Protein backbone atom coordinates (compact mmCIF):
# COMPACT_ATOMS: atom_id res chain seq x y z
CA MET A 1 -63.96 89.59 229.38
CA HIS A 2 -64.52 85.97 229.60
CA HIS A 3 -66.98 85.06 232.32
CA PHE A 4 -67.75 88.19 232.91
CA ARG A 5 -70.60 89.68 235.33
CA PRO A 6 -71.43 93.41 235.83
CA ALA A 7 -70.82 94.48 239.81
CA PRO A 8 -73.21 92.99 242.12
CA PRO A 9 -76.39 93.12 242.41
CA TYR A 10 -76.08 93.08 238.76
CA PHE A 11 -76.24 90.37 236.27
CA ALA A 12 -75.30 89.89 232.48
CA GLY A 13 -78.40 88.83 230.31
CA ASP A 14 -79.22 88.29 227.09
CA CYS A 15 -75.65 89.25 224.66
CA MET A 16 -76.39 91.19 221.43
CA PRO A 17 -73.16 91.63 219.90
CA PHE A 18 -72.16 93.96 216.72
CA TYR A 19 -69.55 94.89 214.93
CA HIS A 20 -68.49 97.84 212.52
CA ASP A 21 -65.57 99.71 211.88
CA GLY A 22 -63.04 97.65 213.72
CA VAL A 23 -64.85 97.26 216.87
CA TYR A 24 -66.73 94.78 218.19
CA HIS A 25 -69.37 96.34 220.55
CA LEU A 26 -71.49 94.14 223.23
CA TYR A 27 -74.81 95.61 224.19
CA TYR A 28 -76.48 93.00 226.59
CA LEU A 29 -79.67 92.88 229.17
CA LEU A 30 -78.39 94.19 232.90
CA ASP A 31 -80.14 92.40 235.05
CA GLU A 32 -81.12 92.80 238.64
CA ASN A 33 -82.74 89.66 240.41
CA HIS A 34 -82.81 87.60 237.65
CA HIS A 35 -85.96 88.29 235.88
CA GLN A 36 -87.84 89.63 238.73
CA GLY A 37 -87.11 93.74 238.46
CA LEU A 38 -90.34 95.62 238.21
CA GLY A 39 -92.60 92.65 239.77
CA GLY A 40 -91.10 90.23 237.14
CA LEU A 41 -91.40 92.69 234.29
CA GLY A 42 -87.72 92.99 233.81
CA GLY A 43 -86.64 96.47 234.72
CA HIS A 44 -84.20 95.62 231.80
CA GLN A 45 -81.28 98.14 230.54
CA TRP A 46 -78.52 98.11 227.53
CA ALA A 47 -75.13 97.91 228.95
CA HIS A 48 -72.56 98.70 226.25
CA ALA A 49 -68.72 97.43 226.27
CA SER A 50 -66.43 97.55 223.31
CA THR A 51 -62.74 96.09 221.75
CA THR A 52 -60.91 96.02 219.43
CA ASP A 53 -58.68 93.07 219.75
CA LEU A 54 -60.54 90.69 221.91
CA ILE A 55 -58.40 91.01 224.78
CA HIS A 56 -58.97 95.13 226.19
CA TRP A 57 -62.72 95.98 226.49
CA GLN A 58 -63.83 99.61 227.13
CA HIS A 59 -67.03 99.89 229.38
CA HIS A 60 -69.62 102.35 228.04
CA PRO A 61 -72.80 104.15 229.91
CA LEU A 62 -76.12 102.23 229.35
CA ALA A 63 -77.37 102.54 225.86
CA LEU A 64 -80.89 102.11 226.45
CA ALA A 65 -81.58 103.36 229.96
CA ILE A 66 -85.70 102.67 231.57
CA GLU A 67 -86.89 106.87 231.43
CA ALA A 68 -90.53 106.64 230.88
CA ASP A 69 -93.41 105.06 232.72
CA TRP A 70 -94.38 102.98 230.35
CA GLU A 71 -91.02 101.49 229.51
CA ALA A 72 -91.16 98.00 232.35
CA SER A 73 -88.18 96.13 230.72
CA ILE A 74 -85.79 97.04 227.44
CA CYS A 75 -85.77 94.18 226.20
CA THR A 76 -83.54 92.72 223.76
CA GLY A 77 -83.14 93.54 219.66
CA SER A 78 -80.07 94.03 217.67
CA THR A 79 -78.37 97.19 216.22
CA PHE A 80 -77.75 97.77 212.51
CA TRP A 81 -75.41 100.58 210.63
CA HIS A 82 -76.50 102.67 207.62
CA ALA A 83 -75.39 105.45 206.01
CA GLY A 84 -73.44 107.34 208.82
CA ARG A 85 -76.05 106.27 211.88
CA TYR A 86 -76.41 103.52 214.34
CA TYR A 87 -79.72 102.52 215.32
CA ALA A 88 -80.49 100.39 218.13
CA PHE A 89 -84.25 97.96 217.42
CA TYR A 90 -85.30 96.85 220.44
CA ALA A 91 -88.85 96.08 222.58
CA THR A 92 -90.33 97.38 225.32
CA ARG A 93 -92.44 95.65 227.88
CA LYS A 94 -95.38 97.57 229.26
CA PRO A 95 -96.70 97.29 232.43
CA ASP A 96 -99.42 95.42 230.59
CA TRP A 97 -97.03 92.83 229.98
CA THR A 98 -98.10 93.64 226.57
CA GLN A 99 -94.99 93.62 224.13
CA HIS A 100 -93.70 96.86 221.44
CA LEU A 101 -91.20 97.09 218.94
CA CYS A 102 -88.82 100.55 219.72
CA MET A 103 -85.83 102.29 217.72
CA ALA A 104 -83.72 104.82 219.18
CA VAL A 105 -80.17 105.86 216.84
CA SER A 106 -76.98 107.14 217.41
CA ALA A 107 -73.93 108.59 215.64
CA ASP A 108 -71.10 107.02 217.66
CA GLY A 109 -73.04 103.38 218.79
CA ILE A 110 -72.61 105.01 222.34
CA HIS A 111 -75.14 107.74 223.18
CA PHE A 112 -78.53 106.45 221.99
CA VAL A 113 -81.77 108.99 221.25
CA LYS A 114 -85.32 106.88 220.91
CA SER A 115 -87.78 107.66 218.48
CA ALA A 116 -90.56 110.12 218.98
CA GLY A 117 -92.60 107.67 217.32
CA ASN A 118 -92.13 104.66 219.90
CA PRO A 119 -93.40 102.47 219.98
CA PHE A 120 -93.62 102.40 216.41
CA LEU A 121 -95.16 98.70 216.03
CA SER A 122 -97.33 97.06 217.80
CA ALA A 123 -98.54 92.82 217.33
CA PRO A 124 -100.39 92.53 214.41
CA PRO A 125 -104.05 90.99 214.49
CA GLY A 126 -103.49 87.21 214.68
CA TYR A 127 -100.05 87.97 216.65
CA SER A 128 -100.15 87.26 220.74
CA PRO A 129 -99.26 91.03 221.72
CA PHE A 130 -97.15 89.11 224.93
CA ASP A 131 -95.22 88.00 222.31
CA LEU A 132 -93.12 91.23 220.11
CA ARG A 133 -89.59 90.72 220.95
CA ASP A 134 -86.22 90.73 219.81
CA PRO A 135 -85.90 92.30 216.63
CA PHE A 136 -83.17 91.56 213.94
CA VAL A 137 -82.33 94.16 211.40
CA PHE A 138 -80.90 93.16 208.41
CA ALA A 139 -79.98 93.79 204.77
CA ASP A 140 -81.66 92.17 202.41
CA GLY A 141 -80.18 92.02 199.62
CA ALA A 142 -82.35 93.94 197.29
CA GLY A 143 -81.97 96.97 198.54
CA GLY A 144 -83.73 97.12 201.23
CA PHE A 145 -84.17 95.51 205.03
CA GLY A 146 -85.49 92.56 206.78
CA MET A 147 -86.23 92.22 210.87
CA LEU A 148 -87.03 89.40 212.15
CA VAL A 149 -88.71 89.28 215.38
CA THR A 150 -90.04 86.49 218.40
CA SER A 151 -93.99 86.73 217.71
CA ARG A 152 -97.05 84.04 218.38
CA LEU A 153 -99.40 83.03 215.60
CA ASP A 154 -103.09 83.32 218.48
CA PRO A 155 -104.65 81.30 217.11
CA TYR A 156 -103.07 78.76 216.12
CA PRO A 157 -103.94 74.89 214.96
CA LEU A 158 -101.87 73.20 217.06
CA ASP A 159 -102.44 74.52 220.95
CA GLY A 160 -98.97 76.08 222.16
CA ARG A 161 -96.53 75.46 218.99
CA GLY A 162 -97.92 78.64 217.49
CA GLY A 163 -94.42 80.22 218.48
CA CYS A 164 -93.05 81.67 215.05
CA LEU A 165 -90.59 84.58 213.44
CA LEU A 166 -92.20 87.24 212.09
CA LEU A 167 -90.54 88.78 208.91
CA LEU A 168 -90.87 92.45 208.06
CA ARG A 169 -89.79 94.53 205.35
CA SER A 170 -88.38 98.13 205.34
CA ALA A 171 -87.28 100.51 201.99
CA ASP A 172 -85.48 103.35 204.96
CA LEU A 173 -85.91 101.53 208.08
CA GLN A 174 -88.69 103.50 209.60
CA THR A 175 -91.55 101.85 207.76
CA TRP A 176 -92.23 98.43 208.30
CA THR A 177 -94.21 96.19 206.57
CA VAL A 178 -95.67 92.77 208.12
CA GLU A 179 -95.08 89.85 205.71
CA GLY A 180 -95.47 86.28 207.72
CA PRO A 181 -94.01 83.79 209.49
CA LEU A 182 -90.20 83.29 207.97
CA LEU A 183 -89.95 80.05 210.95
CA ILE A 184 -92.45 77.63 212.78
CA PRO A 185 -90.09 75.73 214.66
CA GLY A 186 -92.52 74.06 216.87
CA GLY A 187 -91.11 72.76 219.37
CA GLY A 188 -92.14 72.01 222.76
CA PRO A 189 -95.52 73.57 224.34
CA SER A 190 -96.05 76.71 225.73
CA TYR A 191 -92.41 79.18 225.55
CA LEU A 192 -90.78 76.26 224.17
CA SER A 193 -92.43 76.67 221.05
CA VAL A 194 -91.28 80.44 220.89
CA PRO A 195 -88.01 81.39 218.83
CA GLU A 196 -86.55 83.85 220.67
CA CYS A 197 -83.43 86.38 220.27
CA PRO A 198 -82.94 85.57 216.54
CA ASP A 199 -79.74 86.59 214.36
CA THR A 200 -79.55 85.54 210.47
CA PHE A 201 -75.89 86.40 208.47
CA ALA A 202 -74.39 84.85 205.37
CA TRP A 203 -70.77 83.42 205.61
CA ASN A 204 -68.42 81.72 203.02
CA GLY A 205 -71.74 80.80 200.71
CA TRP A 206 -74.15 79.83 203.44
CA HIS A 207 -77.00 81.54 205.35
CA TYR A 208 -77.49 80.96 208.41
CA LEU A 209 -80.61 81.55 210.94
CA ILE A 210 -79.84 80.89 214.77
CA PHE A 211 -82.30 81.35 217.50
CA SER A 212 -83.12 80.02 221.03
CA LEU A 213 -86.05 77.54 222.22
CA GLY A 214 -86.25 77.96 226.30
CA LEU A 215 -82.31 79.85 226.50
CA GLN A 216 -80.75 77.21 224.06
CA THR A 217 -79.16 78.76 220.87
CA HIS A 218 -80.46 76.54 218.32
CA TYR A 219 -79.44 77.19 213.94
CA CYS A 220 -80.51 75.97 210.51
CA MET A 221 -78.73 76.38 207.26
CA ALA A 222 -79.91 77.39 204.01
CA ARG A 223 -77.87 78.52 200.50
CA SER A 224 -80.55 81.78 200.00
CA PRO A 225 -81.06 84.61 203.00
CA PHE A 226 -84.72 83.26 202.94
CA GLY A 227 -84.39 79.46 202.92
CA PRO A 228 -85.80 76.83 202.59
CA TRP A 229 -84.11 75.82 205.81
CA GLU A 230 -81.96 72.42 206.34
CA LYS A 231 -81.67 71.74 210.31
CA PRO A 232 -78.36 69.88 210.49
CA ALA A 233 -77.95 66.67 212.67
CA VAL A 234 -76.88 68.65 215.43
CA ASP A 235 -78.41 72.13 215.85
CA LEU A 236 -77.66 72.97 218.96
CA LEU A 237 -74.91 75.68 219.12
CA ASP A 238 -72.35 74.81 221.36
CA SER A 239 -74.35 73.17 224.78
CA PRO A 240 -77.39 74.04 226.42
CA LEU A 241 -76.53 76.59 229.56
CA ALA A 242 -75.12 78.78 226.69
CA ALA A 243 -77.76 80.94 226.59
CA VAL A 244 -79.41 82.48 224.01
CA MET A 245 -75.73 82.97 221.79
CA LYS A 246 -75.96 85.59 219.03
CA THR A 247 -72.84 86.44 216.74
CA ALA A 248 -71.31 88.87 214.90
CA PRO A 249 -67.82 88.95 212.69
CA PHE A 250 -64.55 89.80 213.47
CA HIS A 251 -61.61 90.81 211.77
CA GLY A 252 -60.64 88.32 209.18
CA SER A 253 -63.85 86.95 208.04
CA ARG A 254 -64.36 85.62 211.69
CA ARG A 255 -67.14 84.91 213.92
CA ILE A 256 -67.38 85.84 217.70
CA GLY A 257 -70.58 84.51 219.51
CA ALA A 258 -71.56 85.66 223.47
CA ALA A 259 -73.89 84.25 225.52
CA PHE A 260 -74.73 84.06 229.26
CA VAL A 261 -74.83 81.01 231.99
CA GLY A 262 -76.85 81.42 234.11
CA THR A 263 -76.24 80.91 237.74
CA ARG A 264 -77.90 78.35 239.99
CA GLN A 265 -80.54 78.90 242.49
CA GLY A 266 -79.00 78.96 246.29
CA ASP A 267 -75.34 78.19 244.83
CA ARG A 268 -76.07 74.85 244.69
CA ASP A 269 -75.21 72.03 242.37
CA ALA A 270 -78.66 70.49 241.42
CA ALA A 271 -80.53 73.97 241.49
CA PRO A 272 -81.97 74.97 238.91
CA VAL A 273 -80.15 77.31 236.44
CA GLN A 274 -81.44 80.89 236.88
CA TRP A 275 -81.85 83.66 234.29
CA ALA A 276 -78.92 85.63 233.78
CA GLY A 277 -75.47 85.57 234.85
CA ASN A 278 -72.12 85.67 233.17
CA ILE A 279 -71.15 86.04 229.39
CA ILE A 280 -69.06 83.69 227.93
CA PHE A 281 -67.51 83.94 224.18
CA ARG A 282 -67.18 81.25 221.56
CA GLU A 283 -65.57 81.55 217.77
CA LEU A 284 -67.30 79.67 215.91
CA VAL A 285 -66.29 77.38 213.28
CA GLN A 286 -67.54 75.84 210.05
CA ARG A 287 -67.01 73.01 208.78
CA ALA A 288 -66.44 71.73 205.15
CA ASP A 289 -69.96 71.04 204.83
CA GLY A 290 -71.44 74.31 206.27
CA THR A 291 -72.42 73.16 209.84
CA LEU A 292 -71.46 75.18 213.01
CA GLY A 293 -69.02 74.51 215.88
CA THR A 294 -67.60 76.64 218.48
CA ARG A 295 -64.36 76.81 220.41
CA PHE A 296 -62.73 78.50 222.28
CA VAL A 297 -61.52 82.56 221.67
CA PRO A 298 -58.21 82.74 221.46
CA GLU A 299 -57.33 85.69 222.65
CA MET A 300 -59.47 85.43 225.65
CA THR A 301 -58.59 82.01 226.68
CA SER A 302 -54.72 83.92 226.24
CA SER A 303 -55.50 87.00 227.97
CA LEU A 304 -56.49 84.71 231.44
CA LEU A 305 -53.01 83.11 232.04
CA PRO A 306 -50.53 84.62 233.30
CA GLY A 307 -47.73 82.44 231.41
CA GLY A 308 -45.32 79.39 232.90
CA LEU A 309 -46.33 76.14 233.34
CA THR A 310 -47.48 74.30 236.98
CA ALA A 311 -45.62 71.33 237.63
CA LEU A 312 -47.88 68.65 237.60
CA THR A 313 -47.01 65.68 239.88
CA LEU A 314 -48.70 61.87 239.33
CA ASP A 315 -50.41 60.00 241.61
CA ARG A 316 -51.33 55.82 240.59
CA LEU A 317 -54.83 55.13 242.27
CA THR A 318 -55.00 51.72 240.17
CA ASP A 319 -52.75 49.46 238.61
CA GLY A 320 -53.13 50.06 234.51
CA VAL A 321 -51.34 53.70 235.30
CA SER A 322 -48.35 54.64 233.70
CA GLY A 323 -46.11 57.47 233.32
CA ASP A 324 -45.31 60.74 234.61
CA GLY A 325 -46.90 64.31 235.06
CA ARG A 326 -46.68 64.58 231.66
CA GLN A 327 -47.35 61.71 229.68
CA ILE A 328 -50.14 58.95 231.02
CA ARG A 329 -51.23 55.89 230.16
CA LEU A 330 -54.42 54.46 231.07
CA PHE A 331 -55.10 50.52 230.63
CA ALA A 332 -58.01 49.43 231.99
CA PRO A 333 -59.12 46.48 229.24
CA GLU A 334 -61.93 44.94 231.96
CA SER A 335 -62.22 47.23 234.78
CA LEU A 336 -61.48 51.29 235.56
CA ALA A 337 -58.00 52.89 235.79
CA ALA A 338 -57.71 55.98 237.58
CA ALA A 339 -55.08 58.14 238.69
CA ALA A 340 -54.62 62.00 239.92
CA LEU A 341 -52.61 64.97 238.55
CA ASP A 342 -50.99 67.02 241.46
CA GLY A 343 -49.88 70.89 241.63
CA LEU A 344 -52.66 72.37 240.04
CA PRO A 345 -55.41 75.04 241.79
CA ARG A 346 -58.79 75.44 241.94
CA ASP A 347 -58.42 78.05 239.49
CA PHE A 348 -57.09 76.47 236.25
CA TYR A 349 -56.75 76.34 232.02
CA LEU A 350 -55.38 72.85 230.90
CA LYS A 351 -54.81 71.72 227.51
CA CYS A 352 -54.09 68.35 226.58
CA ARG A 353 -53.89 65.64 223.98
CA VAL A 354 -56.01 62.54 224.12
CA ALA A 355 -55.39 59.25 222.38
CA PRO A 356 -57.76 56.57 222.86
CA ARG A 357 -57.10 53.19 221.42
CA ALA A 358 -58.59 49.58 221.15
CA GLY A 359 -61.61 48.84 223.15
CA ARG A 360 -65.28 51.16 223.91
CA ALA A 361 -63.36 53.08 226.41
CA ARG A 362 -65.02 55.35 228.26
CA PHE A 363 -62.54 58.02 229.56
CA GLY A 364 -62.15 61.32 230.96
CA LEU A 365 -61.27 64.03 233.35
CA GLY A 366 -61.99 64.41 236.85
CA LEU A 367 -62.15 68.26 238.09
CA ARG A 368 -62.68 69.85 241.39
CA GLY A 369 -61.45 66.17 242.96
CA SER A 370 -60.43 65.85 246.27
CA GLY A 371 -59.65 62.43 247.99
CA ARG A 372 -59.03 59.25 246.20
CA PHE A 373 -61.32 59.59 243.17
CA GLY A 374 -65.08 57.89 244.55
CA GLY A 375 -68.08 60.96 243.52
CA SER A 376 -65.19 63.70 244.67
CA HIS A 377 -65.34 65.86 241.39
CA TYR A 378 -67.01 66.68 238.69
CA GLU A 379 -67.00 64.07 235.79
CA LEU A 380 -66.02 65.09 232.11
CA ALA A 381 -66.37 62.09 230.20
CA PHE A 382 -66.43 60.79 226.98
CA GLU A 383 -67.97 57.81 225.04
CA PRO A 384 -66.81 57.20 221.64
CA ALA A 385 -69.20 54.74 220.61
CA LEU A 386 -72.23 56.55 221.47
CA ARG A 387 -70.61 59.82 220.30
CA ARG A 388 -71.74 61.62 223.08
CA ALA A 389 -69.41 63.55 225.97
CA SER A 390 -70.83 65.31 229.21
CA LEU A 391 -69.58 67.34 232.29
CA ALA A 392 -71.35 66.53 235.12
CA ASP A 393 -75.33 66.71 234.21
CA GLN A 394 -74.86 68.36 230.51
CA VAL A 395 -74.69 66.81 227.77
CA ILE A 396 -73.64 66.98 223.84
CA PHE A 397 -73.74 64.28 221.56
CA GLU A 398 -72.59 63.58 217.83
CA VAL A 399 -69.15 64.55 219.07
CA THR A 400 -67.43 63.13 215.89
CA PRO A 401 -63.83 63.61 217.05
CA LEU A 402 -63.73 61.10 220.26
CA ALA A 403 -62.43 57.50 218.76
CA ALA A 404 -59.07 59.52 217.49
CA PRO A 405 -56.33 61.68 219.19
CA PHE A 406 -57.56 65.19 219.76
CA ASP A 407 -56.91 68.53 221.57
CA LEU A 408 -58.87 69.20 224.96
CA GLU A 409 -58.98 72.06 226.96
CA VAL A 410 -60.15 72.61 230.15
CA ILE A 411 -61.06 75.99 232.23
CA CYS A 412 -61.92 75.80 235.75
CA ARG A 413 -62.84 79.47 237.25
CA GLY A 414 -64.88 80.39 240.02
CA ASP A 415 -68.08 77.91 239.25
CA ILE A 416 -67.80 77.75 236.00
CA LEU A 417 -66.17 74.88 234.36
CA GLU A 418 -66.26 74.35 230.55
CA ALA A 419 -64.03 72.48 227.64
CA CYS A 420 -63.30 72.49 224.30
CA ILE A 421 -63.05 69.43 222.00
CA ALA A 422 -60.78 69.06 219.45
CA GLY A 423 -61.38 72.44 218.44
CA GLU A 424 -65.66 72.59 217.50
CA ARG A 425 -67.52 71.53 220.04
CA CYS A 426 -67.90 73.26 223.37
CA ILE A 427 -69.75 72.31 226.99
CA VAL A 428 -70.12 74.02 229.81
CA ASN A 429 -71.58 74.38 233.25
CA ARG A 430 -72.27 76.42 236.32
CA LEU A 431 -70.88 73.86 239.34
CA PRO A 432 -70.14 75.91 242.36
CA GLU A 433 -70.32 72.91 245.65
CA GLN A 434 -66.97 71.22 244.71
CA GLN A 435 -63.36 72.81 246.03
CA GLY A 436 -61.08 70.14 245.75
CA GLU A 437 -57.33 70.76 243.38
CA ARG A 438 -56.90 67.14 242.25
CA LEU A 439 -56.99 66.11 238.73
CA PHE A 440 -58.31 62.95 237.75
CA LEU A 441 -57.64 61.37 235.04
CA PHE A 442 -59.61 57.79 233.98
CA CYS A 443 -60.26 55.21 231.81
CA GLU A 444 -63.33 52.27 231.70
CA CYS A 445 -62.86 48.95 229.81
CA GLY A 446 -59.95 50.15 227.63
CA GLU A 447 -57.40 52.61 226.20
CA VAL A 448 -56.70 55.54 226.94
CA GLU A 449 -53.36 58.25 226.98
CA TYR A 450 -53.27 61.80 227.55
CA GLU A 451 -49.77 64.28 227.04
CA ILE A 452 -50.36 67.31 229.15
CA LEU A 453 -49.91 70.85 226.51
CA ARG A 454 -50.34 73.24 229.03
CA ALA A 455 -51.64 73.25 232.32
CA MET A 456 -51.29 75.99 234.84
CA GLY A 457 -53.25 78.50 237.29
CA ILE A 458 -55.45 81.12 236.45
CA PRO A 459 -57.07 84.25 238.60
CA ALA A 460 -60.09 83.63 240.15
CA SER A 461 -63.14 85.50 237.86
């Protein structure tokens, strides 16, 4: 399922993971033509797959399908289990573009029956009828239930900044009372201020609130379920192209997130990223101070690999390179040192130990390379002095392990390239054009050693 995309002509949109009774359910929006279905209204429906081990997946019929003329799109929502039944809460976009909240119930989490009372809620006074979606339902800790809904205050004193997470309460999951905004993040103008696809949960003494702004997933944290919320120094969960990540628990107090990586328009590296594409998964990492990171899901990474190591050969492209295909040292105190490793196919998994030495080095890997370095590769670069990592045009900040030795995992599969840094920070990009099979190593103005721990080809996506 890692890098999963439904069979053409479909793509995967917003993910809605849910866990109950040992089963991890992944509901997701089935998309055709990048949100252009039914004249741009979406035309989305809920698709469904499930697993008990994150390796073997069962694909189910559509959980929620378009069945009536007024349903122009079955939008994002959440699943909740209570008193022997599964409840699916979701938004429906009507042909007039207004959005309304709906509900369906199921005995098995697979076959849902929509409520005869749908829609059960439309935009209350003072809120935009075009922004009422993404309901997320949770137990409120007081014997009742809460619901967070993407909404927008209209009017609002600051133009374009009224996006909010609206809080609703219920005693029975049937009748809901509007309490008011739980969070007004501000954000940028227009749609960038509207927090989408909320997710809230408690984990080891902390409460977390996840939401997306412009598809980028952010989070804040608190010691109580309704705040006050604290914004961490790095509030972006994973990296910019891991769109609309939501999470669910898994065995052993783990949390597994799911997001989509949009395709590039026209399959060009520099083209805009489109809505919907492939699904990626991440395991959440909770640090000692409560802040969150992400890493590759070990079971899913292992399931990609056929076993056996690939023999690599070292090509020294400059002075300052020593070692062999497993241990490589680059020494360039005043210049650039570069080498190439040959033997990996286009689609591969790599794990290495990276050990920076003295100096203010900039170092990294050149992925999908060809020729003699130049610009014929995708640069995965690390800058310890700036605490910054980048993968081509994608950048993440405050990456703190870079000055000390750290483990690095890289997956290149199809046009999705991703890396996991020190088991707690991930970065992903969609890069269709380069097709080379050389792995470059480089270091500028410093010294770094690479130890290749595992390297092998993986099946194409």
